[in-house]
């Protein structure tokens, strides 16, 4: 793939400005940045959870020879109801805000489940 020089980058920038308008570009860049930040944090948490599960699994195998007293089972987590009506079209910032709120609710639910266990 050939290297992009200054003239090519200027042409690409001009096309973007013509397509989206100068006022929309900063808003779009902010939305993409927020989405990437959320994506990175969630993938990092998934990796941490996988590492913790692996460590817990190995510890459980080594301790399995000892009898354990019966423990009460935590209540199952009920899935959220999905509305039947179609969702309205939202801006990228509004979608990012809703995703952050959902992530916060899931984290709160997970921390409560950990405390109960």
PDB file of N, CA and C in Angstrom:
ATOM      1  N   UNK A   1       0.849  -1.172   0.000  1.00  0.00           N
ATOM      2  CA  UNK A   1       0.000   0.000   0.000  1.00  0.00           C
ATOM      3  C   UNK A   1       0.892   1.230   0.000  1.00  0.00           C
ATOM      4  N   UNK A   2       0.652   2.162  -0.896  1.00  0.00           N
ATOM      5  CA  UNK A   2       1.511   3.338  -0.965  1.00  0.00           C
ATOM      6  C   UNK A   2       1.308   4.228   0.256  1.00  0.00           C
ATOM      7  N   UNK A   3       2.366   4.952   0.596  1.00  0.00           N
ATOM      8  CA  UNK A   3       2.301   5.872   1.725  1.00  0.00           C
ATOM      9  C   UNK A   3       1.440   7.073   1.367  1.00  0.00           C
ATOM     10  N   UNK A   4       0.687   7.559   2.324  1.00  0.00           N
ATOM     11  CA  UNK A   4      -0.140   8.739   2.103  1.00  0.00           C
ATOM     12  C   UNK A   4       0.693   9.984   2.392  1.00  0.00           C
ATOM     13  N   UNK A   5       0.765  10.858   1.432  1.00  0.00           N
ATOM     14  CA  UNK A   5       1.503  12.098   1.600  1.00  0.00           C
ATOM     15  C   UNK A   5       0.561  13.217   1.978  1.00  0.00           C
ATOM     16  N   UNK A   6       1.110  14.420   2.038  1.00  0.00           N
ATOM     17  CA  UNK A   6       0.336  15.597   2.402  1.00  0.00           C
ATOM     18  C   UNK A   6      -0.785  15.862   1.392  1.00  0.00           C
ATOM     19  N   UNK A   7      -0.536  15.810   0.093  1.00  0.00           N
ATOM     20  CA  UNK A   7      -1.626  16.087  -0.846  1.00  0.00           C
ATOM     21  C   UNK A   7      -2.790  15.091  -0.709  1.00  0.00           C
ATOM     22  N   UNK A   8      -2.486  13.825  -0.496  1.00  0.00           N
ATOM     23  CA  UNK A   8      -3.543  12.830  -0.350  1.00  0.00           C
ATOM     24  C   UNK A   8      -4.353  13.067   0.921  1.00  0.00           C
ATOM     25  N   UNK A   9      -3.664  13.410   2.017  1.00  0.00           N
ATOM     26  CA  UNK A   9      -4.358  13.675   3.266  1.00  0.00           C
ATOM     27  C   UNK A   9      -5.243  14.912   3.149  1.00  0.00           C
ATOM     28  N   UNK A  10      -4.790  15.934   2.433  1.00  0.00           N
ATOM     29  CA  UNK A  10      -5.605  17.128   2.229  1.00  0.00           C
ATOM     30  C   UNK A  10      -6.855  16.810   1.414  1.00  0.00           C
ATOM     31  N   UNK A  11      -6.714  15.975   0.420  1.00  0.00           N
ATOM     32  CA  UNK A  11      -7.873  15.586  -0.393  1.00  0.00           C
ATOM     33  C   UNK A  11      -8.878  14.808   0.456  1.00  0.00           C
ATOM     34  N   UNK A  12      -8.383  13.892   1.286  1.00  0.00           N
ATOM     35  CA  UNK A  12      -9.267  13.119   2.163  1.00  0.00           C
ATOM     36  C   UNK A  12      -9.984  14.045   3.138  1.00  0.00           C
ATOM     37  N   UNK A  13      -9.268  14.995   3.723  1.00  0.00           N
ATOM     38  CA  UNK A  13      -9.881  15.942   4.659  1.00  0.00           C
ATOM     39  C   UNK A  13     -10.944  16.784   3.955  1.00  0.00           C
ATOM     40  N   UNK A  14     -10.671  17.235   2.737  1.00  0.00           N
ATOM     41  CA  UNK A  14     -11.622  18.039   1.974  1.00  0.00           C
ATOM     42  C   UNK A  14     -12.890  17.241   1.682  1.00  0.00           C
ATOM     43  N   UNK A  15     -12.735  15.981   1.321  1.00  0.00           N
ATOM     44  CA  UNK A  15     -13.891  15.125   1.040  1.00  0.00           C
ATOM     45  C   UNK A  15     -14.728  14.935   2.312  1.00  0.00           C
ATOM     46  N   UNK A  16     -14.076  14.718   3.455  1.00  0.00           N
ATOM     47  CA  UNK A  16     -14.806  14.555   4.712  1.00  0.00           C
ATOM     48  C   UNK A  16     -15.582  15.814   5.073  1.00  0.00           C
ATOM     49  N   UNK A  17     -14.959  16.984   4.879  1.00  0.00           N
ATOM     50  CA  UNK A  17     -15.641  18.237   5.182  1.00  0.00           C
ATOM     51  C   UNK A  17     -16.834  18.427   4.252  1.00  0.00           C
ATOM     52  N   UNK A  18     -16.667  18.090   2.986  1.00  0.00           N
ATOM     53  CA  UNK A  18     -17.772  18.235   2.040  1.00  0.00           C
ATOM     54  C   UNK A  18     -18.917  17.262   2.349  1.00  0.00           C
ATOM     55  N   UNK A  19     -18.580  16.052   2.759  1.00  0.00           N
ATOM     56  CA  UNK A  19     -19.615  15.056   3.050  1.00  0.00           C
ATOM     57  C   UNK A  19     -20.384  15.351   4.336  1.00  0.00           C
ATOM     58  N   UNK A  20     -19.674  15.669   5.403  1.00  0.00           N
ATOM     59  CA  UNK A  20     -20.301  15.782   6.710  1.00  0.00           C
ATOM     60  C   UNK A  20     -20.471  17.208   7.199  1.00  0.00           C
ATOM     61  N   UNK A  21     -19.770  18.146   6.646  1.00  0.00           N
ATOM     62  CA  UNK A  21     -19.831  19.519   7.126  1.00  0.00           C
ATOM     63  C   UNK A  21     -18.844  19.741   8.250  1.00  0.00           C
ATOM     64  N   UNK A  22     -18.357  20.952   8.338  1.00  0.00           N
ATOM     65  CA  UNK A  22     -17.320  21.280   9.322  1.00  0.00           C
ATOM     66  C   UNK A  22     -17.852  21.174  10.753  1.00  0.00           C
ATOM     67  N   UNK A  23     -19.147  21.420  10.976  1.00  0.00           N
ATOM     68  CA  UNK A  23     -19.691  21.380  12.340  1.00  0.00           C
ATOM     69  C   UNK A  23     -19.866  19.961  12.855  1.00  0.00           C
ATOM     70  N   UNK A  24     -20.104  19.003  11.992  1.00  0.00           N
ATOM     71  CA  UNK A  24     -20.355  17.624  12.414  1.00  0.00           C
ATOM     72  C   UNK A  24     -19.068  16.843  12.695  1.00  0.00           C
ATOM     73  N   UNK A  25     -17.957  17.225  12.075  1.00  0.00           N
ATOM     74  CA  UNK A  25     -16.723  16.440  12.229  1.00  0.00           C
ATOM     75  C   UNK A  25     -16.235  16.360  13.680  1.00  0.00           C
ATOM     76  N   UNK A  26     -16.163  17.472  14.437  1.00  0.00           N
ATOM     77  CA  UNK A  26     -15.716  17.342  15.840  1.00  0.00           C
ATOM     78  C   UNK A  26     -16.659  16.469  16.670  1.00  0.00           C
ATOM     79  N   UNK A  27     -17.965  16.601  16.421  1.00  0.00           N
ATOM     80  CA  UNK A  27     -18.940  15.787  17.150  1.00  0.00           C
ATOM     81  C   UNK A  27     -18.745  14.301  16.838  1.00  0.00           C
ATOM     82  N   UNK A  28     -18.515  13.994  15.569  1.00  0.00           N
ATOM     83  CA  UNK A  28     -18.298  12.598  15.181  1.00  0.00           C
ATOM     84  C   UNK A  28     -17.011  12.057  15.793  1.00  0.00           C
ATOM     85  N   UNK A  29     -15.961  12.871  15.803  1.00  0.00           N
ATOM     86  CA  UNK A  29     -14.685  12.436  16.373  1.00  0.00           C
ATOM     87  C   UNK A  29     -14.832  12.170  17.869  1.00  0.00           C
ATOM     88  N   UNK A  30     -15.583  13.033  18.572  1.00  0.00           N
ATOM     89  CA  UNK A  30     -15.812  12.816  19.998  1.00  0.00           C
ATOM     90  C   UNK A  30     -16.571  11.512  20.233  1.00  0.00           C
ATOM     91  N   UNK A  31     -17.586  11.278  19.433  1.00  0.00           N
ATOM     92  CA  UNK A  31     -18.371  10.051  19.583  1.00  0.00           C
ATOM     93  C   UNK A  31     -17.539   8.803  19.343  1.00  0.00           C
ATOM     94  N   UNK A  32     -16.697   8.852  18.313  1.00  0.00           N
ATOM     95  CA  UNK A  32     -15.827   7.703  18.021  1.00  0.00           C
ATOM     96  C   UNK A  32     -14.827   7.503  19.154  1.00  0.00           C
ATOM     97  N   UNK A  33     -14.284   8.602  19.678  1.00  0.00           N
ATOM     98  CA  UNK A  33     -13.330   8.498  20.788  1.00  0.00           C
ATOM     99  C   UNK A  33     -13.957   7.886  22.024  1.00  0.00           C
ATOM    100  N   UNK A  34     -15.173   8.319  22.355  1.00  0.00           N
ATOM    101  CA  UNK A  34     -15.867   7.755  23.515  1.00  0.00           C
ATOM    102  C   UNK A  34     -16.162   6.277  23.310  1.00  0.00           C
ATOM    103  N   UNK A  35     -16.606   5.948  22.120  1.00  0.00           N
ATOM    104  CA  UNK A  35     -16.912   4.539  21.833  1.00  0.00           C
ATOM    105  C   UNK A  35     -15.669   3.676  21.960  1.00  0.00           C
ATOM    106  N   UNK A  36     -14.541   4.155  21.446  1.00  0.00           N
ATOM    107  CA  UNK A  36     -13.297   3.387  21.553  1.00  0.00           C
ATOM    108  C   UNK A  36     -12.863   3.244  23.010  1.00  0.00           C
ATOM    109  N   UNK A  37     -13.023   4.320  23.790  1.00  0.00           N
ATOM    110  CA  UNK A  37     -12.662   4.258  25.201  1.00  0.00           C
ATOM    111  C   UNK A  37     -13.507   3.222  25.932  1.00  0.00           C
ATOM    112  N   UNK A  38     -14.811   3.214  25.672  1.00  0.00           N
ATOM    113  CA  UNK A  38     -15.707   2.247  26.303  1.00  0.00           C
ATOM    114  C   UNK A  38     -15.339   0.828  25.871  1.00  0.00           C
ATOM    115  N   UNK A  39     -15.079   0.650  24.576  1.00  0.00           N
ATOM    116  CA  UNK A  39     -14.722  -0.665  24.052  1.00  0.00           C
ATOM    117  C   UNK A  39     -13.446  -1.177  24.703  1.00  0.00           C
ATOM    118  N   UNK A  40     -12.427  -0.316  24.805  1.00  0.00           N
ATOM    119  CA  UNK A  40     -11.158  -0.734  25.414  1.00  0.00           C
ATOM    120  C   UNK A  40     -11.340  -1.113  26.874  1.00  0.00           C
ATOM    121  N   UNK A  41     -12.125  -0.308  27.619  1.00  0.00           N
ATOM    122  CA  UNK A  41     -12.304  -0.617  29.040  1.00  0.00           C
ATOM    123  C   UNK A  41     -13.069  -1.927  29.230  1.00  0.00           C
ATOM    124  N   UNK A  42     -14.067  -2.160  28.386  1.00  0.00           N
ATOM    125  CA  UNK A  42     -14.831  -3.401  28.510  1.00  0.00           C
ATOM    126  C   UNK A  42     -13.993  -4.619  28.129  1.00  0.00           C
ATOM    127  N   UNK A  43     -13.175  -4.517  27.089  1.00  0.00           N
ATOM    128  CA  UNK A  43     -12.323  -5.661  26.727  1.00  0.00           C
ATOM    129  C   UNK A  43     -11.279  -5.918  27.802  1.00  0.00           C
ATOM    130  N   UNK A  44     -10.775  -4.851  28.433  1.00  0.00           N
ATOM    131  CA  UNK A  44      -9.816  -5.039  29.523  1.00  0.00           C
ATOM    132  C   UNK A  44     -10.486  -5.755  30.698  1.00  0.00           C
ATOM    133  N   UNK A  45     -11.741  -5.394  30.995  1.00  0.00           N
ATOM    134  CA  UNK A  45     -12.459  -6.056  32.084  1.00  0.00           C
ATOM    135  C   UNK A  45     -12.723  -7.518  31.755  1.00  0.00           C
ATOM    136  N   UNK A  46     -13.028  -7.800  30.488  1.00  0.00           N
ATOM    137  CA  UNK A  46     -13.238  -9.188  30.090  1.00  0.00           C
ATOM    138  C   UNK A  46     -11.967 -10.005  30.278  1.00  0.00           C
ATOM    139  N   UNK A  47     -10.830  -9.415  29.885  1.00  0.00           N
ATOM    140  CA  UNK A  47      -9.559 -10.119  30.069  1.00  0.00           C
ATOM    141  C   UNK A  47      -9.279 -10.344  31.544  1.00  0.00           C
ATOM    142  N   UNK A  48      -9.542  -9.333  32.390  1.00  0.00           N
ATOM    143  CA  UNK A  48      -9.335  -9.476  33.826  1.00  0.00           C
ATOM    144  C   UNK A  48     -10.249 -10.559  34.399  1.00  0.00           C
ATOM    145  N   UNK A  49     -11.509 -10.587  33.936  1.00  0.00           N
ATOM    146  CA  UNK A  49     -12.436 -11.614  34.398  1.00  0.00           C
ATOM    147  C   UNK A  49     -11.969 -13.005  33.991  1.00  0.00           C
ATOM    148  N   UNK A  50     -11.457 -13.133  32.760  1.00  0.00           N
ATOM    149  CA  UNK A  50     -10.951 -14.431  32.308  1.00  0.00           C
ATOM    150  C   UNK A  50      -9.763 -14.868  33.147  1.00  0.00           C
ATOM    151  N   UNK A  51      -8.856 -13.929  33.461  1.00  0.00           N
ATOM    152  CA  UNK A  51      -7.709 -14.253  34.295  1.00  0.00           C
ATOM    153  C   UNK A  51      -8.163 -14.672  35.691  1.00  0.00           C
ATOM    154  N   UNK A  52      -9.145 -13.970  36.246  1.00  0.00           N
ATOM    155  CA  UNK A  52      -9.645 -14.297  37.577  1.00  0.00           C
ATOM    156  C   UNK A  52     -10.337 -15.654  37.556  1.00  0.00           C
ATOM    157  N   UNK A  53     -11.109 -15.944  36.498  1.00  0.00           N
ATOM    158  CA  UNK A  53     -11.776 -17.239  36.396  1.00  0.00           C
ATOM    159  C   UNK A  53     -10.761 -18.369  36.305  1.00  0.00           C
ATOM    160  N   UNK A  54      -9.702 -18.174  35.544  1.00  0.00           N
ATOM    161  CA  UNK A  54      -8.666 -19.191  35.409  1.00  0.00           C
ATOM    162  C   UNK A  54      -7.980 -19.432  36.744  1.00  0.00           C
ATOM    163  N   UNK A  55      -7.659 -18.362  37.461  1.00  0.00           N
ATOM    164  CA  UNK A  55      -7.023 -18.490  38.767  1.00  0.00           C
ATOM    165  C   UNK A  55      -7.959 -19.189  39.741  1.00  0.00           C
ATOM    166  N   UNK A  56      -9.228 -18.814  39.727  1.00  0.00           N
ATOM    167  CA  UNK A  56     -10.209 -19.432  40.609  1.00  0.00           C
ATOM    168  C   UNK A  56     -10.376 -20.914  40.278  1.00  0.00           C
ATOM    169  N   UNK A  57     -10.378 -21.243  38.980  1.00  0.00           N
ATOM    170  CA  UNK A  57     -10.533 -22.632  38.558  1.00  0.00           C
ATOM    171  C   UNK A  57      -9.362 -23.478  39.047  1.00  0.00           C
ATOM    172  N   UNK A  58      -8.150 -22.960  38.937  1.00  0.00           N
ATOM    173  CA  UNK A  58      -6.970 -23.701  39.389  1.00  0.00           C
ATOM    174  C   UNK A  58      -7.021 -23.863  40.897  1.00  0.00           C
ATOM    175  N   UNK A  59      -7.406 -22.823  41.634  1.00  0.00           N
ATOM    176  CA  UNK A  59      -7.497 -22.932  43.087  1.00  0.00           C
ATOM    177  C   UNK A  59      -8.576 -23.921  43.486  1.00  0.00           C
ATOM    178  N   UNK A  60      -9.679 -23.941  42.764  1.00  0.00           N
ATOM    179  CA  UNK A  60     -10.764 -24.868  43.089  1.00  0.00           C
ATOM    180  C   UNK A  60     -10.323 -26.309  42.888  1.00  0.00           C
ATOM    181  N   UNK A  61      -9.502 -26.564  41.882  1.00  0.00           N
ATOM    182  CA  UNK A  61      -9.032 -27.924  41.643  1.00  0.00           C
ATOM    183  C   UNK A  61      -8.106 -28.388  42.755  1.00  0.00           C
ATOM    184  N   UNK A  62      -7.273 -27.490  43.297  1.00  0.00           N
ATOM    185  CA  UNK A  62      -6.351 -27.889  44.352  1.00  0.00           C
ATOM    186  C   UNK A  62      -7.061 -28.065  45.682  1.00  0.00           C
ATOM    187  N   UNK A  63      -8.150 -27.335  45.913  1.00  0.00           N
ATOM    188  CA  UNK A  63      -8.865 -27.401  47.176  1.00  0.00           C
ATOM    189  C   UNK A  63      -9.982 -28.434  47.131  1.00  0.00           C
ATOM    190  N   UNK A  64     -10.263 -28.987  45.987  1.00  0.00           N
ATOM    191  CA  UNK A  64     -11.405 -29.865  45.795  1.00  0.00           C
ATOM    192  C   UNK A  64     -11.330 -31.124  46.664  1.00  0.00           C
ATOM    193  N   UNK A  65     -10.176 -31.551  47.063  1.00  0.00           N
ATOM    194  CA  UNK A  65     -10.035 -32.765  47.854  1.00  0.00           C
ATOM    195  C   UNK A  65     -10.626 -32.586  49.249  1.00  0.00           C
ATOM    196  N   UNK A  66     -10.689 -31.350  49.770  1.00  0.00           N
ATOM    197  CA  UNK A  66     -11.240 -31.095  51.088  1.00  0.00           C
ATOM    198  C   UNK A  66     -12.760 -30.943  50.994  1.00  0.00           C
ATOM    199  N   UNK A  67     -13.511 -31.564  51.912  1.00  0.00           N
ATOM    200  CA  UNK A  67     -14.970 -31.391  51.883  1.00  0.00           C
ATOM    201  C   UNK A  67     -15.332 -29.960  52.279  1.00  0.00           C
ATOM    202  N   UNK A  68     -16.320 -29.426  51.593  1.00  0.00           N
ATOM    203  CA  UNK A  68     -16.742 -28.061  51.864  1.00  0.00           C
ATOM    204  C   UNK A  68     -18.146 -28.079  52.447  1.00  0.00           C
ATOM    205  N   UNK A  69     -18.413 -27.188  53.422  1.00  0.00           N
ATOM    206  CA  UNK A  69     -19.771 -27.135  53.983  1.00  0.00           C
ATOM    207  C   UNK A  69     -20.739 -26.605  52.934  1.00  0.00           C
ATOM    208  N   UNK A  70     -22.007 -26.987  53.076  1.00  0.00           N
ATOM    209  CA  UNK A  70     -23.028 -26.557  52.120  1.00  0.00           C
ATOM    210  C   UNK A  70     -23.241 -25.052  52.251  1.00  0.00           C
ATOM    211  N   UNK A  71     -23.251 -24.375  51.110  1.00  0.00           N
ATOM    212  CA  UNK A  71     -23.460 -22.933  51.102  1.00  0.00           C
ATOM    213  C   UNK A  71     -24.748 -22.638  50.354  1.00  0.00           C
ATOM    214  N   UNK A  72     -25.476 -21.601  50.784  1.00  0.00           N
ATOM    215  CA  UNK A  72     -26.698 -21.255  50.062  1.00  0.00           C
ATOM    216  C   UNK A  72     -26.361 -20.722  48.677  1.00  0.00           C
ATOM    217  N   UNK A  73     -27.189 -21.099  47.715  1.00  0.00           N
ATOM    218  CA  UNK A  73     -26.986 -20.651  46.344  1.00  0.00           C
ATOM    219  C   UNK A  73     -27.510 -19.232  46.193  1.00  0.00           C
ATOM    220  N   UNK A  74     -26.760 -18.355  45.491  1.00  0.00           N
ATOM    221  CA  UNK A  74     -27.267 -16.994  45.270  1.00  0.00           C
ATOM    222  C   UNK A  74     -28.458 -17.028  44.317  1.00  0.00           C
ATOM    223  N   UNK A  75     -29.312 -16.052  44.463  1.00  0.00           N
ATOM    224  CA  UNK A  75     -30.493 -15.964  43.602  1.00  0.00           C
ATOM    225  C   UNK A  75     -30.049 -15.699  42.172  1.00  0.00           C
ATOM    226  N   UNK A  76     -30.678 -16.344  41.186  1.00  0.00           N
ATOM    227  CA  UNK A  76     -30.278 -16.109  39.796  1.00  0.00           C
ATOM    228  C   UNK A  76     -30.625 -14.684  39.383  1.00  0.00           C
ATOM    229  N   UNK A  77     -29.783 -14.122  38.542  1.00  0.00           N
ATOM    230  CA  UNK A  77     -29.987 -12.770  38.044  1.00  0.00           C
ATOM    231  C   UNK A  77     -30.981 -12.833  36.893  1.00  0.00           C
ATOM    232  N   UNK A  78     -32.025 -12.028  36.989  1.00  0.00           N
ATOM    233  CA  UNK A  78     -33.049 -12.011  35.957  1.00  0.00           C
ATOM    234  C   UNK A  78     -32.589 -11.134  34.799  1.00  0.00           C
ATOM    235  N   UNK A  79     -32.719 -11.594  33.547  1.00  0.00           N
ATOM    236  CA  UNK A  79     -32.339 -10.756  32.409  1.00  0.00           C
ATOM    237  C   UNK A  79     -33.301  -9.590  32.274  1.00  0.00           C
ATOM    238  N   UNK A  80     -32.792  -8.497  31.731  1.00  0.00           N
ATOM    239  CA  UNK A  80     -33.626  -7.315  31.546  1.00  0.00           C
ATOM    240  C   UNK A  80     -34.605  -7.561  30.410  1.00  0.00           C
ATOM    241  N   UNK A  81     -35.794  -6.992  30.559  1.00  0.00           N
ATOM    242  CA  UNK A  81     -36.798  -7.097  29.521  1.00  0.00           C
ATOM    243  C   UNK A  81     -36.458  -6.138  28.397  1.00  0.00           C
ATOM    244  N   UNK A  82     -36.539  -6.603  27.166  1.00  0.00           N
ATOM    245  CA  UNK A  82     -36.278  -5.774  25.997  1.00  0.00           C
ATOM    246  C   UNK A  82     -37.613  -5.259  25.487  1.00  0.00           C
ATOM    247  N   UNK A  83     -37.743  -3.920  25.314  1.00  0.00           N
ATOM    248  CA  UNK A  83     -39.031  -3.394  24.853  1.00  0.00           C
ATOM    249  C   UNK A  83     -39.331  -3.859  23.435  1.00  0.00           C
ATOM    250  N   UNK A  84     -40.629  -4.058  23.161  1.00  0.00           N
ATOM    251  CA  UNK A  84     -41.047  -4.542  21.847  1.00  0.00           C
ATOM    252  C   UNK A  84     -41.077  -3.429  20.814  1.00  0.00           C
ATOM    253  N   UNK A  85     -41.142  -2.177  21.254  1.00  0.00           N
ATOM    254  CA  UNK A  85     -41.186  -1.072  20.305  1.00  0.00           C
ATOM    255  C   UNK A  85     -39.780  -0.765  19.822  1.00  0.00           C
ATOM    256  N   UNK A  86     -39.627  -0.333  18.567  1.00  0.00           N
ATOM    257  CA  UNK A  86     -38.297  -0.007  18.066  1.00  0.00           C
ATOM    258  C   UNK A  86     -37.752   1.236  18.762  1.00  0.00           C
ATOM    259  N   UNK A  87     -36.462   1.232  19.004  1.00  0.00           N
ATOM    260  CA  UNK A  87     -35.819   2.350  19.680  1.00  0.00           C
ATOM    261  C   UNK A  87     -35.672   3.526  18.717  1.00  0.00           C
ATOM    262  N   UNK A  88     -35.810   4.749  19.213  1.00  0.00           N
ATOM    263  CA  UNK A  88     -35.636   5.908  18.331  1.00  0.00           C
ATOM    264  C   UNK A  88     -34.173   6.046  17.926  1.00  0.00           C
ATOM    265  N   UNK A  89     -33.939   6.718  16.833  1.00  0.00           N
ATOM    266  CA  UNK A  89     -32.581   6.926  16.343  1.00  0.00           C
ATOM    267  C   UNK A  89     -31.899   7.936  17.250  1.00  0.00           C
ATOM    268  N   UNK A  90     -30.742   7.567  17.794  1.00  0.00           N
ATOM    269  CA  UNK A  90     -30.031   8.404  18.743  1.00  0.00           C
ATOM    270  C   UNK A  90     -28.709   8.870  18.153  1.00  0.00           C
ATOM    271  N   UNK A  91     -28.223   9.983  18.671  1.00  0.00           N
ATOM    272  CA  UNK A  91     -26.920  10.464  18.240  1.00  0.00           C
ATOM    273  C   UNK A  91     -25.837   9.584  18.857  1.00  0.00           C
ATOM    274  N   UNK A  92     -24.636   9.726  18.352  1.00  0.00           N
ATOM    275  CA  UNK A  92     -23.525   8.913  18.854  1.00  0.00           C
ATOM    276  C   UNK A  92     -23.251   9.219  20.321  1.00  0.00           C
ATOM    277  N   UNK A  93     -23.380  10.495  20.712  1.00  0.00           N
ATOM    278  CA  UNK A  93     -23.134  10.862  22.104  1.00  0.00           C
ATOM    279  C   UNK A  93     -24.196  10.260  23.020  1.00  0.00           C
ATOM    280  N   UNK A  94     -25.440  10.275  22.572  1.00  0.00           N
ATOM    281  CA  UNK A  94     -26.520   9.702  23.363  1.00  0.00           C
ATOM    282  C   UNK A  94     -26.343   8.188  23.491  1.00  0.00           C
ATOM    283  N   UNK A  95     -25.930   7.525  22.428  1.00  0.00           N
ATOM    284  CA  UNK A  95     -25.677   6.084  22.485  1.00  0.00           C
ATOM    285  C   UNK A  95     -24.539   5.781  23.444  1.00  0.00           C
ATOM    286  N   UNK A  96     -23.473   6.586  23.395  1.00  0.00           N
ATOM    287  CA  UNK A  96     -22.340   6.371  24.292  1.00  0.00           C
ATOM    288  C   UNK A  96     -22.764   6.559  25.743  1.00  0.00           C
ATOM    289  N   UNK A  97     -23.616   7.563  26.017  1.00  0.00           N
ATOM    290  CA  UNK A  97     -24.082   7.810  27.374  1.00  0.00           C
ATOM    291  C   UNK A  97     -24.929   6.632  27.868  1.00  0.00           C
ATOM    292  N   UNK A  98     -25.790   6.121  27.003  1.00  0.00           N
ATOM    293  CA  UNK A  98     -26.619   4.983  27.399  1.00  0.00           C
ATOM    294  C   UNK A  98     -25.764   3.738  27.648  1.00  0.00           C
ATOM    295  N   UNK A  99     -24.754   3.524  26.829  1.00  0.00           N
ATOM    296  CA  UNK A  99     -23.870   2.372  27.039  1.00  0.00           C
ATOM    297  C   UNK A  99     -23.118   2.496  28.358  1.00  0.00           C
ATOM    298  N   UNK A 100     -22.682   3.721  28.689  1.00  0.00           N
ATOM    299  CA  UNK A 100     -21.994   3.923  29.964  1.00  0.00           C
ATOM    300  C   UNK A 100     -22.927   3.642  31.132  1.00  0.00           C
ATOM    301  N   UNK A 101     -24.202   4.064  31.023  1.00  0.00           N
ATOM    302  CA  UNK A 101     -25.169   3.798  32.086  1.00  0.00           C
ATOM    303  C   UNK A 101     -25.424   2.300  32.226  1.00  0.00           C
ATOM    304  N   UNK A 102     -25.550   1.587  31.109  1.00  0.00           N
ATOM    305  CA  UNK A 102     -25.765   0.141  31.163  1.00  0.00           C
ATOM    306  C   UNK A 102     -24.566  -0.556  31.794  1.00  0.00           C
ATOM    307  N   UNK A 103     -23.365  -0.121  31.429  1.00  0.00           N
ATOM    308  CA  UNK A 103     -22.158  -0.726  32.000  1.00  0.00           C
ATOM    309  C   UNK A 103     -22.119  -0.490  33.505  1.00  0.00           C
ATOM    310  N   UNK A 104     -22.506   0.707  33.949  1.00  0.00           N
ATOM    311  CA  UNK A 104     -22.513   0.996  35.380  1.00  0.00           C
ATOM    312  C   UNK A 104     -23.523   0.113  36.111  1.00  0.00           C
ATOM    313  N   UNK A 105     -24.710  -0.079  35.499  1.00  0.00           N
ATOM    314  CA  UNK A 105     -25.709  -0.953  36.122  1.00  0.00           C
ATOM    315  C   UNK A 105     -25.207  -2.390  36.195  1.00  0.00           C
ATOM    316  N   UNK A 106     -24.559  -2.861  35.136  1.00  0.00           N
ATOM    317  CA  UNK A 106     -24.039  -4.237  35.142  1.00  0.00           C
ATOM    318  C   UNK A 106     -22.941  -4.404  36.179  1.00  0.00           C
ATOM    319  N   UNK A 107     -22.062  -3.388  36.293  1.00  0.00           N
ATOM    320  CA  UNK A 107     -21.004  -3.461  37.301  1.00  0.00           C
ATOM    321  C   UNK A 107     -21.600  -3.495  38.701  1.00  0.00           C
ATOM    322  N   UNK A 108     -22.633  -2.672  38.937  1.00  0.00           N
ATOM    323  CA  UNK A 108     -23.273  -2.653  40.253  1.00  0.00           C
ATOM    324  C   UNK A 108     -23.914  -4.006  40.559  1.00  0.00           C
ATOM    325  N   UNK A 109     -24.571  -4.593  39.567  1.00  0.00           N
ATOM    326  CA  UNK A 109     -25.173  -5.904  39.769  1.00  0.00           C
ATOM    327  C   UNK A 109     -24.134  -6.980  40.022  1.00  0.00           C
ATOM    328  N   UNK A 110     -23.007  -6.899  39.310  1.00  0.00           N
ATOM    329  CA  UNK A 110     -21.948  -7.884  39.497  1.00  0.00           C
ATOM    330  C   UNK A 110     -21.312  -7.738  40.873  1.00  0.00           C
ATOM    331  N   UNK A 111     -21.121  -6.504  41.334  1.00  0.00           N
ATOM    332  CA  UNK A 111     -20.507  -6.328  42.648  1.00  0.00           C
ATOM    333  C   UNK A 111     -21.442  -6.815  43.746  1.00  0.00           C
ATOM    334  N   UNK A 112     -22.764  -6.641  43.571  1.00  0.00           N
ATOM    335  CA  UNK A 112     -23.699  -7.169  44.550  1.00  0.00           C
ATOM    336  C   UNK A 112     -23.690  -8.686  44.554  1.00  0.00           C
ATOM    337  N   UNK A 113     -23.602  -9.284  43.383  1.00  0.00           N
ATOM    338  CA  UNK A 113     -23.553 -10.745  43.301  1.00  0.00           C
ATOM    339  C   UNK A 113     -22.275 -11.272  43.955  1.00  0.00           C
ATOM    340  N   UNK A 114     -21.160 -10.549  43.772  1.00  0.00           N
ATOM    341  CA  UNK A 114     -19.907 -10.965  44.411  1.00  0.00           C
ATOM    342  C   UNK A 114     -20.009 -10.865  45.936  1.00  0.00           C
ATOM    343  N   UNK A 115     -20.680  -9.812  46.418  1.00  0.00           N
ATOM    344  CA  UNK A 115     -20.827  -9.658  47.857  1.00  0.00           C
ATOM    345  C   UNK A 115     -21.719 -10.753  48.446  1.00  0.00           C
ATOM    346  N   UNK A 116     -22.740 -11.160  47.696  1.00  0.00           N
ATOM    347  CA  UNK A 116     -23.647 -12.194  48.165  1.00  0.00           C
ATOM    348  C   UNK A 116     -23.005 -13.567  48.133  1.00  0.00           C
ATOM    349  N   UNK A 117     -22.040 -13.765  47.257  1.00  0.00           N
ATOM    350  CA  UNK A 117     -21.424 -15.097  47.111  1.00  0.00           C
ATOM    351  C   UNK A 117     -20.406 -15.395  48.155  1.00  0.00           C
TER     352      UNK A 117
END
